[in-house]
Amino acid sequence: MMVTENKLTNLQLELIKMFKYNLSENQLIELKDLLSNYFVSKVDFEMDKVWNDKNWTNSTMENLANQHTRTLYKI
């Protein structure tokens, strides 16, 4: 996925073309939910792939969650 700075993405441009009219508040909420669910399903799929490829378990995830990997910065 490519991110551009200060320009509309291809997704934004396509959505503008598709929705040149005002949506009701309910339609807007439904559309946001639809898009959110789409991206959640993509993340779930990729996460499942990582788990399978690396043979992760719930224990692996707990260990990762308990690691302290933040960089300490001195001010």
C-alpha atoms as a PDB file:
ATOM      1  CA  MET A   1       0.000   0.000   0.000  1.00  0.00           C
ATOM      2  CA  MET A   2       1.518   3.318  -1.064  1.00  0.00           C
ATOM      3  CA  VAL A   3       0.963   6.507   0.931  1.00  0.00           C
ATOM      4  CA  THR A   4       1.287   9.899  -0.703  1.00  0.00           C
ATOM      5  CA  GLU A   5       1.785  13.167   1.121  1.00  0.00           C
ATOM      6  CA  ASN A   6      -0.747  16.009   0.757  1.00  0.00           C
ATOM      7  CA  LYS A   7      -2.543  14.333  -2.153  1.00  0.00           C
ATOM      8  CA  LEU A   8      -5.703  12.317  -2.334  1.00  0.00           C
ATOM      9  CA  THR A   9      -5.158   8.587  -2.530  1.00  0.00           C
ATOM     10  CA  ASN A  10      -6.598   6.443  -5.293  1.00  0.00           C
ATOM     11  CA  LEU A  11      -9.197   5.211  -2.791  1.00  0.00           C
ATOM     12  CA  GLN A  12     -10.239   8.741  -1.876  1.00  0.00           C
ATOM     13  CA  LEU A  13     -10.521   9.738  -5.523  1.00  0.00           C
ATOM     14  CA  GLU A  14     -12.632   6.696  -6.337  1.00  0.00           C
ATOM     15  CA  LEU A  15     -14.946   7.306  -3.390  1.00  0.00           C
ATOM     16  CA  ILE A  16     -15.412  10.925  -4.443  1.00  0.00           C
ATOM     17  CA  LYS A  17     -16.415   9.764  -7.928  1.00  0.00           C
ATOM     18  CA  MET A  18     -18.814   7.177  -6.539  1.00  0.00           C
ATOM     19  CA  PHE A  19     -20.506   9.405  -3.990  1.00  0.00           C
ATOM     20  CA  LYS A  20     -21.199  12.767  -5.546  1.00  0.00           C
ATOM     21  CA  TYR A  21     -24.374  13.064  -3.504  1.00  0.00           C
ATOM     22  CA  ASN A  22     -25.105  13.537   0.179  1.00  0.00           C
ATOM     23  CA  LEU A  23     -25.824  10.485   2.259  1.00  0.00           C
ATOM     24  CA  SER A  24     -28.187  10.352   5.177  1.00  0.00           C
ATOM     25  CA  GLU A  25     -26.546   9.984   8.571  1.00  0.00           C
ATOM     26  CA  ASN A  26     -27.618   6.325   8.699  1.00  0.00           C
ATOM     27  CA  GLN A  27     -26.206   5.632   5.232  1.00  0.00           C
ATOM     28  CA  LEU A  28     -22.943   7.274   6.203  1.00  0.00           C
ATOM     29  CA  ILE A  29     -22.701   5.117   9.333  1.00  0.00           C
ATOM     30  CA  GLU A  30     -23.480   1.978   7.304  1.00  0.00           C
ATOM     31  CA  LEU A  31     -20.810   2.861   4.756  1.00  0.00           C
ATOM     32  CA  LYS A  32     -18.207   3.531   7.463  1.00  0.00           C
ATOM     33  CA  ASP A  33     -19.036   0.172   9.042  1.00  0.00           C
ATOM     34  CA  LEU A  34     -18.775  -1.557   5.682  1.00  0.00           C
ATOM     35  CA  LEU A  35     -15.348  -0.054   4.981  1.00  0.00           C
ATOM     36  CA  SER A  36     -14.134  -0.769   8.507  1.00  0.00           C
ATOM     37  CA  ASN A  37     -15.220  -4.378   8.266  1.00  0.00           C
ATOM     38  CA  TYR A  38     -13.464  -4.722   4.911  1.00  0.00           C
ATOM     39  CA  PHE A  39     -10.145  -3.548   6.333  1.00  0.00           C
ATOM     40  CA  VAL A  40     -10.579  -5.607   9.510  1.00  0.00           C
ATOM     41  CA  SER A  41     -11.044  -8.733   7.382  1.00  0.00           C
ATOM     42  CA  LYS A  42      -7.817  -7.929   5.493  1.00  0.00           C
ATOM     43  CA  VAL A  43      -5.885  -7.527   8.750  1.00  0.00           C
ATOM     44  CA  ASP A  44      -7.377 -10.756  10.134  1.00  0.00           C
ATOM     45  CA  PHE A  45      -6.353 -12.643   7.003  1.00  0.00           C
ATOM     46  CA  GLU A  46      -2.782 -11.324   7.145  1.00  0.00           C
ATOM     47  CA  MET A  47      -2.521 -12.013  10.876  1.00  0.00           C
ATOM     48  CA  ASP A  48      -3.722 -15.588  10.353  1.00  0.00           C
ATOM     49  CA  LYS A  49      -1.028 -15.972   7.687  1.00  0.00           C
ATOM     50  CA  VAL A  50       1.669 -14.776  10.101  1.00  0.00           C
ATOM     51  CA  TRP A  51       0.447 -17.140  12.826  1.00  0.00           C
ATOM     52  CA  ASN A  52       0.496 -20.093  10.425  1.00  0.00           C
ATOM     53  CA  ASP A  53       3.806 -19.226   8.753  1.00  0.00           C
ATOM     54  CA  LYS A  54       5.597 -18.690  12.084  1.00  0.00           C
ATOM     55  CA  ASN A  55       3.752 -21.446  13.975  1.00  0.00           C
ATOM     56  CA  TRP A  56       2.667 -18.983  16.660  1.00  0.00           C
ATOM     57  CA  THR A  57       0.505 -20.001  19.610  1.00  0.00           C
ATOM     58  CA  ASN A  58      -1.458 -18.085  22.220  1.00  0.00           C
ATOM     59  CA  SER A  59       1.639 -18.337  24.399  1.00  0.00           C
ATOM     60  CA  THR A  60       3.703 -16.647  21.663  1.00  0.00           C
ATOM     61  CA  MET A  61       1.213 -13.798  21.518  1.00  0.00           C
ATOM     62  CA  GLU A  62       1.241 -13.389  25.305  1.00  0.00           C
ATOM     63  CA  ASN A  63       5.049 -13.208  25.271  1.00  0.00           C
ATOM     64  CA  LEU A  64       4.985 -10.580  22.519  1.00  0.00           C
ATOM     65  CA  ALA A  65       2.346  -8.569  24.379  1.00  0.00           C
ATOM     66  CA  ASN A  66       4.440  -8.554  27.564  1.00  0.00           C
ATOM     67  CA  GLN A  67       7.691  -7.448  25.922  1.00  0.00           C
ATOM     68  CA  HIS A  68       8.875  -3.925  26.554  1.00  0.00           C
ATOM     69  CA  THR A  69      10.242  -2.822  23.192  1.00  0.00           C
ATOM     70  CA  ARG A  70       9.827   0.922  23.430  1.00  0.00           C
ATOM     71  CA  THR A  71      12.912   3.032  23.001  1.00  0.00           C
ATOM     72  CA  LEU A  72      13.674   5.235  25.956  1.00  0.00           C
ATOM     73  CA  TYR A  73      14.489   8.790  24.972  1.00  0.00           C
ATOM     74  CA  LYS A  74      16.359  11.159  27.210  1.00  0.00           C
ATOM     75  CA  ILE A  75      15.131  14.729  27.237  1.00  0.00           C
END
